[in-house]
Amino acid sequence: MSIFSKIKSAIFGEKGPLGSGHFGTPKAVPAPAPAPQTTAAQPAPTPAAPAPQAAPAQAVDVEAVLSGIAAKKGSDLNWRTSIVDLMKLLDLDSSLDNRKELATELGYTGAKDGSAEMNMWLIKAVMRELEKNGGTVPANLKD
């Protein structure tokens, strides 16, 4: 499992906000059955009432989830601005090797040396990706 997938799973739960096994991929909806054929001797069947549509999945409030985890743990980690602290909060390995892997996954093009620049880019990129995958993330956490 990729590092980012582990982060998503820790925040969204195993199935994610869209209710599927894969984040961002809605469950397949079966195609409607074809209308039965009728003949002149057979009256047309009465159309059935349309099936109710499933309610759209609620977006996950990423800030609220992370704040809740921090409160439960009694943590004062600075997960809003530190990728290392975010990973620690989620009980993930925050080693440089894992952050390098995450940087590669998310398309970081700078030096993967654990610099402040890389780490600041990572926390914002993670928040943007969480939003793309069904999370609600305040602007100040993405920009």
C-alpha atoms as a PDB file:
ATOM      1  CA  MET A   1       0.000   0.000   0.000  1.00  0.00           C
ATOM      2  CA  SER A   2       1.362   3.417  -0.891  1.00  0.00           C
ATOM      3  CA  ILE A   3       2.187   5.949   1.808  1.00  0.00           C
ATOM      4  CA  PHE A   4      -0.579   8.261   0.607  1.00  0.00           C
ATOM      5  CA  SER A   5      -3.074   5.362   0.648  1.00  0.00           C
ATOM      6  CA  LYS A   6      -2.137   4.722   4.272  1.00  0.00           C
ATOM      7  CA  ILE A   7      -2.769   8.386   5.093  1.00  0.00           C
ATOM      8  CA  LYS A   8      -6.166   8.293   3.327  1.00  0.00           C
ATOM      9  CA  SER A   9      -7.123   5.072   5.055  1.00  0.00           C
ATOM     10  CA  ALA A  10      -6.198   6.474   8.470  1.00  0.00           C
ATOM     11  CA  ILE A  11      -8.377   9.564   7.880  1.00  0.00           C
ATOM     12  CA  PHE A  12     -11.264   8.249   5.771  1.00  0.00           C
ATOM     13  CA  GLY A  13     -11.440   4.714   7.113  1.00  0.00           C
ATOM     14  CA  GLU A  14     -10.996   1.564   5.055  1.00  0.00           C
ATOM     15  CA  LYS A  15     -13.712   2.262   2.484  1.00  0.00           C
ATOM     16  CA  GLY A  16     -13.252   5.988   2.028  1.00  0.00           C
ATOM     17  CA  PRO A  17     -15.843   8.735   1.741  1.00  0.00           C
ATOM     18  CA  LEU A  18     -17.378   7.376  -1.460  1.00  0.00           C
ATOM     19  CA  GLY A  19     -18.278   4.021   0.062  1.00  0.00           C
ATOM     20  CA  SER A  20     -16.100   1.888  -2.183  1.00  0.00           C
ATOM     21  CA  GLY A  21     -13.020  -0.182  -1.645  1.00  0.00           C
ATOM     22  CA  HIS A  22     -10.973   2.247  -3.718  1.00  0.00           C
ATOM     23  CA  PHE A  23     -10.783   5.919  -2.899  1.00  0.00           C
ATOM     24  CA  GLY A  24     -12.324   8.151  -5.510  1.00  0.00           C
ATOM     25  CA  THR A  25     -14.034   5.279  -7.319  1.00  0.00           C
ATOM     26  CA  PRO A  26     -17.769   5.120  -6.711  1.00  0.00           C
ATOM     27  CA  LYS A  27     -19.481   1.768  -6.399  1.00  0.00           C
ATOM     28  CA  ALA A  28     -20.679   0.327  -9.690  1.00  0.00           C
ATOM     29  CA  VAL A  29     -24.357   0.917 -10.321  1.00  0.00           C
ATOM     30  CA  PRO A  30     -26.076  -1.887 -12.237  1.00  0.00           C
ATOM     31  CA  ALA A  31     -27.645  -0.937 -15.547  1.00  0.00           C
ATOM     32  CA  PRO A  32     -31.449  -0.896 -15.567  1.00  0.00           C
ATOM     33  CA  ALA A  33     -33.088  -4.077 -16.808  1.00  0.00           C
ATOM     34  CA  PRO A  34     -34.425  -3.867 -20.356  1.00  0.00           C
ATOM     35  CA  ALA A  35     -38.170  -3.360 -20.703  1.00  0.00           C
ATOM     36  CA  PRO A  36     -40.036  -6.647 -21.248  1.00  0.00           C
ATOM     37  CA  GLN A  37     -41.239  -7.307 -24.782  1.00  0.00           C
ATOM     38  CA  THR A  38     -44.999  -7.168 -25.294  1.00  0.00           C
ATOM     39  CA  THR A  39     -47.218  -8.628 -27.964  1.00  0.00           C
ATOM     40  CA  ALA A  40     -50.613  -7.513 -29.190  1.00  0.00           C
ATOM     41  CA  ALA A  41     -52.272 -10.197 -27.044  1.00  0.00           C
ATOM     42  CA  GLN A  42     -50.391  -9.077 -23.950  1.00  0.00           C
ATOM     43  CA  PRO A  43     -51.003  -5.740 -22.301  1.00  0.00           C
ATOM     44  CA  ALA A  44     -47.940  -3.681 -21.562  1.00  0.00           C
ATOM     45  CA  PRO A  45     -46.785  -4.089 -17.957  1.00  0.00           C
ATOM     46  CA  THR A  46     -47.281  -1.213 -15.584  1.00  0.00           C
ATOM     47  CA  PRO A  47     -43.960   0.559 -15.168  1.00  0.00           C
ATOM     48  CA  ALA A  48     -42.455   0.065 -11.735  1.00  0.00           C
ATOM     49  CA  ALA A  49     -41.681   3.068  -9.599  1.00  0.00           C
ATOM     50  CA  PRO A  50     -38.112   4.239 -10.134  1.00  0.00           C
ATOM     51  CA  ALA A  51     -35.636   2.925  -7.606  1.00  0.00           C
ATOM     52  CA  PRO A  52     -34.606   5.560  -5.097  1.00  0.00           C
ATOM     53  CA  GLN A  53     -31.147   6.982  -5.704  1.00  0.00           C
ATOM     54  CA  ALA A  54     -28.603   6.430  -2.980  1.00  0.00           C
ATOM     55  CA  ALA A  55     -27.798   9.585  -1.083  1.00  0.00           C
ATOM     56  CA  PRO A  56     -24.414  10.982  -2.023  1.00  0.00           C
ATOM     57  CA  ALA A  57     -21.674  10.148   0.448  1.00  0.00           C
ATOM     58  CA  GLN A  58     -20.790  12.898   2.851  1.00  0.00           C
ATOM     59  CA  ALA A  59     -17.416  14.483   2.348  1.00  0.00           C
ATOM     60  CA  VAL A  60     -15.006  13.817   5.194  1.00  0.00           C
ATOM     61  CA  ASP A  61     -14.046  16.902   7.198  1.00  0.00           C
ATOM     62  CA  VAL A  62     -10.297  16.262   7.263  1.00  0.00           C
ATOM     63  CA  GLU A  63      -9.528  18.973   9.813  1.00  0.00           C
ATOM     64  CA  ALA A  64     -12.228  17.707  12.197  1.00  0.00           C
ATOM     65  CA  VAL A  65     -11.041  14.094  11.896  1.00  0.00           C
ATOM     66  CA  LEU A  66      -7.414  15.027  12.547  1.00  0.00           C
ATOM     67  CA  SER A  67      -8.339  17.357  15.402  1.00  0.00           C
ATOM     68  CA  GLY A  68     -10.394  14.535  16.903  1.00  0.00           C
ATOM     69  CA  ILE A  69      -7.493  12.079  16.663  1.00  0.00           C
ATOM     70  CA  ALA A  70      -5.176  14.627  18.264  1.00  0.00           C
ATOM     71  CA  ALA A  71      -7.665  15.275  21.080  1.00  0.00           C
ATOM     72  CA  LYS A  72      -8.135  11.545  21.775  1.00  0.00           C
ATOM     73  CA  LYS A  73      -4.390  11.053  21.964  1.00  0.00           C
ATOM     74  CA  GLY A  74      -3.827  14.217  23.979  1.00  0.00           C
ATOM     75  CA  SER A  75      -1.370  15.183  21.262  1.00  0.00           C
ATOM     76  CA  ASP A  76       0.103  18.596  20.673  1.00  0.00           C
ATOM     77  CA  LEU A  77       1.667  17.625  17.314  1.00  0.00           C
ATOM     78  CA  ASN A  78       1.651  20.388  14.719  1.00  0.00           C
ATOM     79  CA  TRP A  79      -0.041  18.270  12.006  1.00  0.00           C
ATOM     80  CA  ARG A  80      -1.436  21.336  10.201  1.00  0.00           C
ATOM     81  CA  THR A  81       2.006  22.448   8.992  1.00  0.00           C
ATOM     82  CA  SER A  82       4.291  19.438   9.509  1.00  0.00           C
ATOM     83  CA  ILE A  83       4.173  16.285   7.399  1.00  0.00           C
ATOM     84  CA  VAL A  84       6.279  14.528  10.044  1.00  0.00           C
ATOM     85  CA  ASP A  85       3.770  15.427  12.763  1.00  0.00           C
ATOM     86  CA  LEU A  86       0.823  14.431  10.546  1.00  0.00           C
ATOM     87  CA  MET A  87       2.365  11.023   9.930  1.00  0.00           C
ATOM     88  CA  LYS A  88       3.152  10.590  13.648  1.00  0.00           C
ATOM     89  CA  LEU A  89      -0.426  11.542  14.546  1.00  0.00           C
ATOM     90  CA  LEU A  90      -1.673   8.810  12.204  1.00  0.00           C
ATOM     91  CA  ASP A  91       0.815   6.281  13.645  1.00  0.00           C
ATOM     92  CA  LEU A  92       2.692   6.085  10.333  1.00  0.00           C
ATOM     93  CA  ASP A  93       6.447   5.861   9.891  1.00  0.00           C
ATOM     94  CA  SER A  94       7.624   9.438   9.292  1.00  0.00           C
ATOM     95  CA  SER A  95      11.176   8.462   8.340  1.00  0.00           C
ATOM     96  CA  LEU A  96      12.977  10.280   5.551  1.00  0.00           C
ATOM     97  CA  ASP A  97      12.677   7.180   3.354  1.00  0.00           C
ATOM     98  CA  ASN A  98       8.881   7.195   3.708  1.00  0.00           C
ATOM     99  CA  ARG A  99       8.694  10.934   3.089  1.00  0.00           C
ATOM    100  CA  LYS A 100      10.834  10.479  -0.035  1.00  0.00           C
ATOM    101  CA  GLU A 101       8.446   7.764  -1.208  1.00  0.00           C
ATOM    102  CA  LEU A 102       5.468  10.030  -0.521  1.00  0.00           C
ATOM    103  CA  ALA A 103       7.169  12.883  -2.395  1.00  0.00           C
ATOM    104  CA  THR A 104       7.660  10.595  -5.390  1.00  0.00           C
ATOM    105  CA  GLU A 105       4.020   9.422  -5.250  1.00  0.00           C
ATOM    106  CA  LEU A 106       2.737  13.003  -5.209  1.00  0.00           C
ATOM    107  CA  GLY A 107       5.049  14.292  -7.939  1.00  0.00           C
ATOM    108  CA  TYR A 108       7.563  16.382  -6.004  1.00  0.00           C
ATOM    109  CA  THR A 109      10.332  17.450  -8.397  1.00  0.00           C
ATOM    110  CA  GLY A 110      12.767  19.072  -5.981  1.00  0.00           C
ATOM    111  CA  ALA A 111      15.579  17.445  -4.044  1.00  0.00           C
ATOM    112  CA  LYS A 112      14.229  14.639  -1.890  1.00  0.00           C
ATOM    113  CA  ASP A 113      16.523  15.401   1.008  1.00  0.00           C
ATOM    114  CA  GLY A 114      14.083  16.034   3.845  1.00  0.00           C
ATOM    115  CA  SER A 115      14.502  19.788   3.564  1.00  0.00           C
ATOM    116  CA  ALA A 116      11.982  22.186   5.043  1.00  0.00           C
ATOM    117  CA  GLU A 117      10.969  23.043   1.463  1.00  0.00           C
ATOM    118  CA  MET A 118      10.173  19.395   0.668  1.00  0.00           C
ATOM    119  CA  ASN A 119       8.320  18.857   3.937  1.00  0.00           C
ATOM    120  CA  MET A 120       6.211  22.014   3.546  1.00  0.00           C
ATOM    121  CA  TRP A 121       5.373  21.010  -0.038  1.00  0.00           C
ATOM    122  CA  LEU A 122       4.389  17.530   1.168  1.00  0.00           C
ATOM    123  CA  ILE A 123       1.920  18.643   3.842  1.00  0.00           C
ATOM    124  CA  LYS A 124       0.120  20.936   1.389  1.00  0.00           C
ATOM    125  CA  ALA A 125       0.171  18.316  -1.393  1.00  0.00           C
ATOM    126  CA  VAL A 126      -1.274  15.693   0.975  1.00  0.00           C
ATOM    127  CA  MET A 127      -4.101  18.065   1.943  1.00  0.00           C
ATOM    128  CA  ARG A 128      -4.855  18.847  -1.726  1.00  0.00           C
ATOM    129  CA  GLU A 129      -4.908  15.128  -2.552  1.00  0.00           C
ATOM    130  CA  LEU A 130      -7.181  14.379   0.392  1.00  0.00           C
ATOM    131  CA  GLU A 131      -9.572  16.990  -0.970  1.00  0.00           C
ATOM    132  CA  LYS A 132      -9.449  15.429  -4.447  1.00  0.00           C
ATOM    133  CA  ASN A 133     -10.364  12.108  -2.860  1.00  0.00           C
ATOM    134  CA  GLY A 134     -13.488  13.270  -1.039  1.00  0.00           C
ATOM    135  CA  GLY A 135     -12.187  15.249   1.899  1.00  0.00           C
ATOM    136  CA  THR A 136     -13.151  18.757   2.891  1.00  0.00           C
ATOM    137  CA  VAL A 137      -9.999  20.721   3.625  1.00  0.00           C
ATOM    138  CA  PRO A 138      -9.865  24.396   4.629  1.00  0.00           C
ATOM    139  CA  ALA A 139      -7.950  26.647   2.208  1.00  0.00           C
ATOM    140  CA  ASN A 140      -5.320  27.516   4.820  1.00  0.00           C
ATOM    141  CA  LEU A 141      -4.232  23.861   4.956  1.00  0.00           C
ATOM    142  CA  LYS A 142      -3.785  23.572   1.175  1.00  0.00           C
ATOM    143  CA  ASP A 143      -2.133  26.857   0.218  1.00  0.00           C
END
